[in-house]
Amino acid sequence: PSPSSMAVAAPPATKALTASTINPHVRTMQYAVRGVIPTLAGTIADELAADPSSHPFPEVVLCNLGNPMALGNKPFTYLRQLLALLEYPDLMEDETACAAFPKDAVAHAKALLAELGPGGLGAESDP
């Protein structure tokens, strides 16, 4: 390989995130989809179903799932459209396929791809 194509190693980091340097709370945290709070929410929902006057509110809104669409929010469509165009730029060459995307998403994708160069988003792209 020519010297211009060889990667230059970065200087050694002065700080490193390791098991001994990370906050101990991060090491012991748990993702509890079925933890204490969701379990209690289920119990309360059951109680409300059996007796609507059992609590001073009419329903339980489950917000622990990390799914905003489950709460009626619209999906993040623009970002998904932009990523689709960036991952498969040939879509912008097909008039019918391109018409399925908003014009601003197409323009944004073209601008980003122009900056990224011929490698696009590919893992093999040359920086």
Foldseek 3Di string as FASTA:
>chain_A
DDPVQDDDDDPDDPDDDDPVPDDVCVVPDDLCPPDDVVVVLVVVQVVCVVPVVPDPDRHRDDDSPPDVVVVVDDDPVLVVLLVVCQVPVCLCVDPVSVVVHDPVSNVVSVVQDVVQDPCGPDPPRDD
